[in-house]
Amino acid sequence: MGSRWLAQMPLPIPEKPGQLFDNADSFGMVFDEAWKRHERAGQHQGLSVAEKKERAMAECSEHPFMLSNPAMAAQVADFRIRLLGL
């Protein structure tokens, strides 16, 4: 397997310390948590789904998968929104 599947540089997340990986699963988990964190903080009130997605994506901007494949990361975010009914 290529280096794409190996752990990238660790990025700290207060709720889940440890390494993040350059793959869709890792990005999806981080995106979900960012979305939920915004909801809990009341930051989603009055926003469209597109605006909510944009805010969560911005919070994930340093994730290895977002850096290496931003177009696919956006598709993963759309999938997570549909799958989880976010």
PDB file of N, CA and C in Angstrom:
ATOM      1  N   MET A   1       0.835  -1.183   0.000  1.00  0.00           N
ATOM      2  CA  MET A   1       0.000   0.000   0.000  1.00  0.00           C
ATOM      3  C   MET A   1       0.874   1.238   0.000  1.00  0.00           C
ATOM      4  N   GLY A   2       0.389   2.257  -0.643  1.00  0.00           N
ATOM      5  CA  GLY A   2       1.141   3.494  -0.732  1.00  0.00           C
ATOM      6  C   GLY A   2       1.067   4.302   0.548  1.00  0.00           C
ATOM      7  N   SER A   3       1.823   5.375   0.562  1.00  0.00           N
ATOM      8  CA  SER A   3       1.870   6.220   1.746  1.00  0.00           C
ATOM      9  C   SER A   3       0.527   6.880   2.029  1.00  0.00           C
ATOM     10  N   ARG A   4      -0.371   6.906   1.027  1.00  0.00           N
ATOM     11  CA  ARG A   4      -1.693   7.501   1.231  1.00  0.00           C
ATOM     12  C   ARG A   4      -2.434   6.825   2.373  1.00  0.00           C
ATOM     13  N   TRP A   5      -2.195   5.550   2.578  1.00  0.00           N
ATOM     14  CA  TRP A   5      -2.922   4.800   3.592  1.00  0.00           C
ATOM     15  C   TRP A   5      -2.219   4.793   4.944  1.00  0.00           C
ATOM     16  N   LEU A   6      -1.051   5.375   5.016  1.00  0.00           N
ATOM     17  CA  LEU A   6      -0.332   5.440   6.280  1.00  0.00           C
ATOM     18  C   LEU A   6      -0.781   6.660   7.064  1.00  0.00           C
ATOM     19  N   ALA A   7      -0.568   6.612   8.344  1.00  0.00           N
ATOM     20  CA  ALA A   7      -0.940   7.741   9.198  1.00  0.00           C
ATOM     21  C   ALA A   7      -0.210   8.999   8.750  1.00  0.00           C
ATOM     22  N   GLN A   8      -0.938  10.076   8.704  1.00  0.00           N
ATOM     23  CA  GLN A   8      -0.357  11.375   8.395  1.00  0.00           C
ATOM     24  C   GLN A   8       0.021  12.038   9.708  1.00  0.00           C
ATOM     25  N   MET A   9       0.498  13.271   9.627  1.00  0.00           N
ATOM     26  CA  MET A   9       0.897  13.953  10.846  1.00  0.00           C
ATOM     27  C   MET A   9      -0.286  14.034  11.804  1.00  0.00           C
ATOM     28  N   PRO A  10      -0.043  13.846  13.091  1.00  0.00           N
ATOM     29  CA  PRO A  10      -1.141  13.896  14.043  1.00  0.00           C
ATOM     30  C   PRO A  10      -1.681  15.319  14.182  1.00  0.00           C
ATOM     31  N   LEU A  11      -2.988  15.441  14.233  1.00  0.00           N
ATOM     32  CA  LEU A  11      -3.643  16.718  14.475  1.00  0.00           C
ATOM     33  C   LEU A  11      -4.482  16.549  15.731  1.00  0.00           C
ATOM     34  N   PRO A  12      -4.249  17.379  16.734  1.00  0.00           N
ATOM     35  CA  PRO A  12      -4.994  17.187  17.981  1.00  0.00           C
ATOM     36  C   PRO A  12      -6.456  17.601  17.843  1.00  0.00           C
ATOM     37  N   ILE A  13      -7.335  16.801  18.407  1.00  0.00           N
ATOM     38  CA  ILE A  13      -8.746  17.122  18.543  1.00  0.00           C
ATOM     39  C   ILE A  13      -9.048  16.948  20.024  1.00  0.00           C
ATOM     40  N   PRO A  14      -9.540  17.992  20.676  1.00  0.00           N
ATOM     41  CA  PRO A  14      -9.733  17.902  22.137  1.00  0.00           C
ATOM     42  C   PRO A  14     -10.529  16.686  22.585  1.00  0.00           C
ATOM     43  N   GLU A  15     -11.606  16.343  21.875  1.00  0.00           N
ATOM     44  CA  GLU A  15     -12.442  15.230  22.294  1.00  0.00           C
ATOM     45  C   GLU A  15     -11.832  13.875  21.966  1.00  0.00           C
ATOM     46  N   LYS A  16     -10.972  13.819  20.940  1.00  0.00           N
ATOM     47  CA  LYS A  16     -10.412  12.545  20.495  1.00  0.00           C
ATOM     48  C   LYS A  16      -8.927  12.712  20.170  1.00  0.00           C
ATOM     49  N   PRO A  17      -8.092  12.739  21.191  1.00  0.00           N
ATOM     50  CA  PRO A  17      -6.672  12.903  20.908  1.00  0.00           C
ATOM     51  C   PRO A  17      -6.118  11.709  20.127  1.00  0.00           C
ATOM     52  N   GLY A  18      -5.092  11.946  19.363  1.00  0.00           N
ATOM     53  CA  GLY A  18      -4.474  10.865  18.601  1.00  0.00           C
ATOM     54  C   GLY A  18      -4.274  11.255  17.159  1.00  0.00           C
ATOM     55  N   GLN A  19      -3.990  10.265  16.343  1.00  0.00           N
ATOM     56  CA  GLN A  19      -3.703  10.526  14.944  1.00  0.00           C
ATOM     57  C   GLN A  19      -4.949  10.514  14.087  1.00  0.00           C
ATOM     58  N   LEU A  20      -4.877  11.291  13.027  1.00  0.00           N
ATOM     59  CA  LEU A  20      -5.903  11.274  12.000  1.00  0.00           C
ATOM     60  C   LEU A  20      -5.296  10.645  10.771  1.00  0.00           C
ATOM     61  N   PHE A  21      -6.124  10.062   9.934  1.00  0.00           N
ATOM     62  CA  PHE A  21      -5.629   9.360   8.768  1.00  0.00           C
ATOM     63  C   PHE A  21      -6.152   9.987   7.492  1.00  0.00           C
ATOM     64  N   ASP A  22      -5.384   9.841   6.441  1.00  0.00           N
ATOM     65  CA  ASP A  22      -5.733  10.406   5.141  1.00  0.00           C
ATOM     66  C   ASP A  22      -6.691   9.467   4.421  1.00  0.00           C
ATOM     67  N   ASN A  23      -7.914   9.341   4.987  1.00  0.00           N
ATOM     68  CA  ASN A  23      -8.930   8.515   4.340  1.00  0.00           C
ATOM     69  C   ASN A  23     -10.319   9.055   4.673  1.00  0.00           C
ATOM     70  N   ALA A  24     -11.295   8.598   3.904  1.00  0.00           N
ATOM     71  CA  ALA A  24     -12.657   9.099   4.033  1.00  0.00           C
ATOM     72  C   ALA A  24     -13.281   8.762   5.391  1.00  0.00           C
ATOM     73  N   ASP A  25     -13.000   7.591   5.929  1.00  0.00           N
ATOM     74  CA  ASP A  25     -13.583   7.211   7.220  1.00  0.00           C
ATOM     75  C   ASP A  25     -13.143   8.151   8.326  1.00  0.00           C
ATOM     76  N   SER A  26     -11.846   8.423   8.373  1.00  0.00           N
ATOM     77  CA  SER A  26     -11.316   9.326   9.383  1.00  0.00           C
ATOM     78  C   SER A  26     -11.931  10.716   9.222  1.00  0.00           C
ATOM     79  N   PHE A  27     -12.004  11.196   7.986  1.00  0.00           N
ATOM     80  CA  PHE A  27     -12.596  12.507   7.738  1.00  0.00           C
ATOM     81  C   PHE A  27     -14.072  12.520   8.144  1.00  0.00           C
ATOM     82  N   GLY A  28     -14.797  11.473   7.794  1.00  0.00           N
ATOM     83  CA  GLY A  28     -16.213  11.411   8.133  1.00  0.00           C
ATOM     84  C   GLY A  28     -16.458  11.514   9.629  1.00  0.00           C
ATOM     85  N   MET A  29     -15.650  10.836  10.416  1.00  0.00           N
ATOM     86  CA  MET A  29     -15.808  10.897  11.870  1.00  0.00           C
ATOM     87  C   MET A  29     -15.544  12.301  12.391  1.00  0.00           C
ATOM     88  N   VAL A  30     -14.511  12.947  11.862  1.00  0.00           N
ATOM     89  CA  VAL A  30     -14.178  14.299  12.307  1.00  0.00           C
ATOM     90  C   VAL A  30     -15.255  15.293  11.864  1.00  0.00           C
ATOM     91  N   PHE A  31     -15.743  15.125  10.637  1.00  0.00           N
ATOM     92  CA  PHE A  31     -16.812  15.993  10.144  1.00  0.00           C
ATOM     93  C   PHE A  31     -18.060  15.856  11.010  1.00  0.00           C
ATOM     94  N   ASP A  32     -18.447  14.610  11.325  1.00  0.00           N
ATOM     95  CA  ASP A  32     -19.624  14.379  12.171  1.00  0.00           C
ATOM     96  C   ASP A  32     -19.475  15.088  13.508  1.00  0.00           C
ATOM     97  N   GLU A  33     -18.312  14.961  14.103  1.00  0.00           N
ATOM     98  CA  GLU A  33     -18.080  15.576  15.410  1.00  0.00           C
ATOM     99  C   GLU A  33     -18.125  17.095  15.308  1.00  0.00           C
ATOM    100  N   ALA A  34     -17.549  17.661  14.261  1.00  0.00           N
ATOM    101  CA  ALA A  34     -17.589  19.120  14.075  1.00  0.00           C
ATOM    102  C   ALA A  34     -19.040  19.584  13.935  1.00  0.00           C
ATOM    103  N   TRP A  35     -19.823  18.854  13.141  1.00  0.00           N
ATOM    104  CA  TRP A  35     -21.235  19.200  12.935  1.00  0.00           C
ATOM    105  C   TRP A  35     -21.985  19.178  14.275  1.00  0.00           C
ATOM    106  N   LYS A  36     -21.797  18.108  15.032  1.00  0.00           N
ATOM    107  CA  LYS A  36     -22.496  17.961  16.310  1.00  0.00           C
ATOM    108  C   LYS A  36     -22.051  19.008  17.321  1.00  0.00           C
ATOM    109  N   ARG A  37     -20.766  19.344  17.316  1.00  0.00           N
ATOM    110  CA  ARG A  37     -20.247  20.375  18.215  1.00  0.00           C
ATOM    111  C   ARG A  37     -20.916  21.716  17.914  1.00  0.00           C
ATOM    112  N   HIS A  38     -21.078  22.030  16.628  1.00  0.00           N
ATOM    113  CA  HIS A  38     -21.744  23.280  16.240  1.00  0.00           C
ATOM    114  C   HIS A  38     -23.198  23.276  16.675  1.00  0.00           C
ATOM    115  N   GLU A  39     -23.868  22.129  16.528  1.00  0.00           N
ATOM    116  CA  GLU A  39     -25.266  22.029  16.960  1.00  0.00           C
ATOM    117  C   GLU A  39     -25.400  22.255  18.461  1.00  0.00           C
ATOM    118  N   ARG A  40     -24.535  21.589  19.230  1.00  0.00           N
ATOM    119  CA  ARG A  40     -24.598  21.732  20.694  1.00  0.00           C
ATOM    120  C   ARG A  40     -24.353  23.163  21.137  1.00  0.00           C
ATOM    121  N   ALA A  41     -23.512  23.875  20.405  1.00  0.00           N
ATOM    122  CA  ALA A  41     -23.177  25.259  20.754  1.00  0.00           C
ATOM    123  C   ALA A  41     -24.208  26.254  20.222  1.00  0.00           C
ATOM    124  N   GLY A  42     -25.221  25.749  19.507  1.00  0.00           N
ATOM    125  CA  GLY A  42     -26.248  26.629  18.965  1.00  0.00           C
ATOM    126  C   GLY A  42     -25.799  27.420  17.743  1.00  0.00           C
ATOM    127  N   GLN A  43     -24.732  26.975  17.093  1.00  0.00           N
ATOM    128  CA  GLN A  43     -24.183  27.707  15.952  1.00  0.00           C
ATOM    129  C   GLN A  43     -24.897  27.395  14.646  1.00  0.00           C
ATOM    130  N   HIS A  44     -25.867  26.490  14.660  1.00  0.00           N
ATOM    131  CA  HIS A  44     -26.580  26.118  13.440  1.00  0.00           C
ATOM    132  C   HIS A  44     -27.932  26.815  13.305  1.00  0.00           C
ATOM    133  N   GLN A  45     -28.333  27.543  14.313  1.00  0.00           N
ATOM    134  CA  GLN A  45     -29.648  28.162  14.301  1.00  0.00           C
ATOM    135  C   GLN A  45     -29.782  29.143  13.134  1.00  0.00           C
ATOM    136  N   GLY A  46     -30.823  28.943  12.343  1.00  0.00           N
ATOM    137  CA  GLY A  46     -31.121  29.847  11.245  1.00  0.00           C
ATOM    138  C   GLY A  46     -30.278  29.650   9.999  1.00  0.00           C
ATOM    139  N   LEU A  47     -29.435  28.621   9.974  1.00  0.00           N
ATOM    140  CA  LEU A  47     -28.567  28.391   8.820  1.00  0.00           C
ATOM    141  C   LEU A  47     -29.148  27.313   7.903  1.00  0.00           C
ATOM    142  N   SER A  48     -28.840  27.426   6.630  1.00  0.00           N
ATOM    143  CA  SER A  48     -29.209  26.380   5.675  1.00  0.00           C
ATOM    144  C   SER A  48     -28.261  25.198   5.858  1.00  0.00           C
ATOM    145  N   VAL A  49     -28.623  24.068   5.285  1.00  0.00           N
ATOM    146  CA  VAL A  49     -27.757  22.887   5.348  1.00  0.00           C
ATOM    147  C   VAL A  49     -26.410  23.208   4.709  1.00  0.00           C
ATOM    148  N   ALA A  50     -26.426  23.934   3.602  1.00  0.00           N
ATOM    149  CA  ALA A  50     -25.171  24.299   2.920  1.00  0.00           C
ATOM    150  C   ALA A  50     -24.278  25.144   3.821  1.00  0.00           C
ATOM    151  N   GLU A  51     -24.871  26.064   4.565  1.00  0.00           N
ATOM    152  CA  GLU A  51     -24.086  26.907   5.477  1.00  0.00           C
ATOM    153  C   GLU A  51     -23.543  26.092   6.647  1.00  0.00           C
ATOM    154  N   LYS A  52     -24.349  25.164   7.143  1.00  0.00           N
ATOM    155  CA  LYS A  52     -23.889  24.290   8.227  1.00  0.00           C
ATOM    156  C   LYS A  52     -22.709  23.445   7.747  1.00  0.00           C
ATOM    157  N   LYS A  53     -22.846  22.908   6.540  1.00  0.00           N
ATOM    158  CA  LYS A  53     -21.772  22.087   5.966  1.00  0.00           C
ATOM    159  C   LYS A  53     -20.500  22.923   5.822  1.00  0.00           C
ATOM    160  N   GLU A  54     -20.640  24.131   5.319  1.00  0.00           N
ATOM    161  CA  GLU A  54     -19.475  25.007   5.128  1.00  0.00           C
ATOM    162  C   GLU A  54     -18.751  25.263   6.443  1.00  0.00           C
ATOM    163  N   ARG A  55     -19.497  25.496   7.497  1.00  0.00           N
ATOM    164  CA  ARG A  55     -18.876  25.750   8.811  1.00  0.00           C
ATOM    165  C   ARG A  55     -18.151  24.508   9.340  1.00  0.00           C
ATOM    166  N   ALA A  56     -18.793  23.343   9.204  1.00  0.00           N
ATOM    167  CA  ALA A  56     -18.159  22.108   9.673  1.00  0.00           C
ATOM    168  C   ALA A  56     -16.925  21.791   8.835  1.00  0.00           C
ATOM    169  N   MET A  57     -17.023  22.003   7.523  1.00  0.00           N
ATOM    170  CA  MET A  57     -15.872  21.768   6.638  1.00  0.00           C
ATOM    171  C   MET A  57     -14.708  22.688   7.007  1.00  0.00           C
ATOM    172  N   ALA A  58     -15.012  23.939   7.328  1.00  0.00           N
ATOM    173  CA  ALA A  58     -13.959  24.886   7.710  1.00  0.00           C
ATOM    174  C   ALA A  58     -13.237  24.406   8.964  1.00  0.00           C
ATOM    175  N   GLU A  59     -13.986  23.827   9.886  1.00  0.00           N
ATOM    176  CA  GLU A  59     -13.371  23.312  11.111  1.00  0.00           C
ATOM    177  C   GLU A  59     -12.473  22.108  10.830  1.00  0.00           C
ATOM    178  N   CYS A  60     -12.742  21.411   9.729  1.00  0.00           N
ATOM    179  CA  CYS A  60     -11.966  20.222   9.356  1.00  0.00           C
ATOM    180  C   CYS A  60     -10.880  20.539   8.331  1.00  0.00           C
ATOM    181  N   SER A  61     -10.614  21.792   8.104  1.00  0.00           N
ATOM    182  CA  SER A  61      -9.733  22.207   7.002  1.00  0.00           C
ATOM    183  C   SER A  61      -8.304  21.676   7.110  1.00  0.00           C
ATOM    184  N   GLU A  62      -7.866  21.306   8.288  1.00  0.00           N
ATOM    185  CA  GLU A  62      -6.505  20.797   8.459  1.00  0.00           C
ATOM    186  C   GLU A  62      -6.444  19.273   8.475  1.00  0.00           C
ATOM    187  N   HIS A  63      -7.584  18.618   8.292  1.00  0.00           N
ATOM    188  CA  HIS A  63      -7.591  17.152   8.278  1.00  0.00           C
ATOM    189  C   HIS A  63      -6.812  16.671   7.053  1.00  0.00           C
ATOM    190  N   PRO A  64      -5.986  15.636   7.196  1.00  0.00           N
ATOM    191  CA  PRO A  64      -5.168  15.148   6.069  1.00  0.00           C
ATOM    192  C   PRO A  64      -5.976  14.830   4.807  1.00  0.00           C
ATOM    193  N   PHE A  65      -7.166  14.258   4.951  1.00  0.00           N
ATOM    194  CA  PHE A  65      -7.979  13.922   3.781  1.00  0.00           C
ATOM    195  C   PHE A  65      -8.505  15.182   3.102  1.00  0.00           C
ATOM    196  N   MET A  66      -8.863  16.175   3.887  1.00  0.00           N
ATOM    197  CA  MET A  66      -9.327  17.458   3.339  1.00  0.00           C
ATOM    198  C   MET A  66      -8.191  18.131   2.579  1.00  0.00           C
ATOM    199  N   LEU A  67      -6.988  18.031   3.092  1.00  0.00           N
ATOM    200  CA  LEU A  67      -5.832  18.653   2.438  1.00  0.00           C
ATOM    201  C   LEU A  67      -5.445  17.928   1.152  1.00  0.00           C
ATOM    202  N   SER A  68      -5.548  16.605   1.154  1.00  0.00           N
ATOM    203  CA  SER A  68      -5.103  15.839  -0.009  1.00  0.00           C
ATOM    204  C   SER A  68      -6.181  15.689  -1.083  1.00  0.00           C
ATOM    205  N   ASN A  69      -7.455  15.751  -0.683  1.00  0.00           N
ATOM    206  CA  ASN A  69      -8.529  15.513  -1.645  1.00  0.00           C
ATOM    207  C   ASN A  69      -9.783  16.295  -1.238  1.00  0.00           C
ATOM    208  N   PRO A  70      -9.751  17.616  -1.355  1.00  0.00           N
ATOM    209  CA  PRO A  70     -10.878  18.423  -0.886  1.00  0.00           C
ATOM    210  C   PRO A  70     -12.199  18.128  -1.600  1.00  0.00           C
ATOM    211  N   ALA A  71     -12.162  17.804  -2.884  1.00  0.00           N
ATOM    212  CA  ALA A  71     -13.404  17.510  -3.606  1.00  0.00           C
ATOM    213  C   ALA A  71     -14.055  16.244  -3.056  1.00  0.00           C
ATOM    214  N   MET A  72     -13.264  15.224  -2.790  1.00  0.00           N
ATOM    215  CA  MET A  72     -13.812  13.992  -2.232  1.00  0.00           C
ATOM    216  C   MET A  72     -14.266  14.214  -0.788  1.00  0.00           C
ATOM    217  N   ALA A  73     -13.558  15.043  -0.038  1.00  0.00           N
ATOM    218  CA  ALA A  73     -13.973  15.355   1.329  1.00  0.00           C
ATOM    219  C   ALA A  73     -15.356  16.005   1.327  1.00  0.00           C
ATOM    220  N   ALA A  74     -15.617  16.874   0.370  1.00  0.00           N
ATOM    221  CA  ALA A  74     -16.932  17.509   0.256  1.00  0.00           C
ATOM    222  C   ALA A  74     -18.004  16.468  -0.043  1.00  0.00           C
ATOM    223  N   GLN A  75     -17.669  15.491  -0.880  1.00  0.00           N
ATOM    224  CA  GLN A  75     -18.623  14.419  -1.180  1.00  0.00           C
ATOM    225  C   GLN A  75     -18.889  13.549   0.050  1.00  0.00           C
ATOM    226  N   VAL A  76     -17.843  13.296   0.823  1.00  0.00           N
ATOM    227  CA  VAL A  76     -18.001  12.522   2.057  1.00  0.00           C
ATOM    228  C   VAL A  76     -18.913  13.291   3.014  1.00  0.00           C
ATOM    229  N   ALA A  77     -18.717  14.596   3.113  1.00  0.00           N
ATOM    230  CA  ALA A  77     -19.562  15.416   3.985  1.00  0.00           C
ATOM    231  C   ALA A  77     -21.019  15.333   3.542  1.00  0.00           C
ATOM    232  N   ASP A  78     -21.269  15.437   2.247  1.00  0.00           N
ATOM    233  CA  ASP A  78     -22.641  15.322   1.730  1.00  0.00           C
ATOM    234  C   ASP A  78     -23.236  13.960   2.075  1.00  0.00           C
ATOM    235  N   PHE A  79     -22.447  12.910   1.932  1.00  0.00           N
ATOM    236  CA  PHE A  79     -22.896  11.559   2.250  1.00  0.00           C
ATOM    237  C   PHE A  79     -23.244  11.454   3.731  1.00  0.00           C
ATOM    238  N   ARG A  80     -22.379  11.981   4.594  1.00  0.00           N
ATOM    239  CA  ARG A  80     -22.616  11.920   6.039  1.00  0.00           C
ATOM    240  C   ARG A  80     -23.889  12.678   6.397  1.00  0.00           C
ATOM    241  N   ILE A  81     -24.120  13.811   5.774  1.00  0.00           N
ATOM    242  CA  ILE A  81     -25.328  14.600   6.043  1.00  0.00           C
ATOM    243  C   ILE A  81     -26.576  13.788   5.704  1.00  0.00           C
ATOM    244  N   ARG A  82     -26.558  13.138   4.549  1.00  0.00           N
ATOM    245  CA  ARG A  82     -27.705  12.301   4.129  1.00  0.00           C
ATOM    246  C   ARG A  82     -27.835  11.065   5.014  1.00  0.00           C
ATOM    247  N   LEU A  83     -26.743  10.383   5.256  1.00  0.00           N
ATOM    248  CA  LEU A  83     -26.755   9.126   6.013  1.00  0.00           C
ATOM    249  C   LEU A  83     -27.262   9.326   7.429  1.00  0.00           C
ATOM    250  N   LEU A  84     -26.767  10.340   8.077  1.00  0.00           N
ATOM    251  CA  LEU A  84     -27.103  10.555   9.483  1.00  0.00           C
ATOM    252  C   LEU A  84     -28.279  11.504   9.684  1.00  0.00           C
ATOM    253  N   GLY A  85     -28.811  12.003   8.579  1.00  0.00           N
ATOM    254  CA  GLY A  85     -29.924  12.938   8.697  1.00  0.00           C
ATOM    255  C   GLY A  85     -29.518  14.213   9.416  1.00  0.00           C
ATOM    256  N   LEU A  86     -28.288  14.617   9.193  1.00  0.00           N
ATOM    257  CA  LEU A  86     -27.794  15.828   9.861  1.00  0.00           C
ATOM    258  C   LEU A  86     -28.376  17.035   9.249  1.00  0.00           C
TER     259      LEU A  86
END
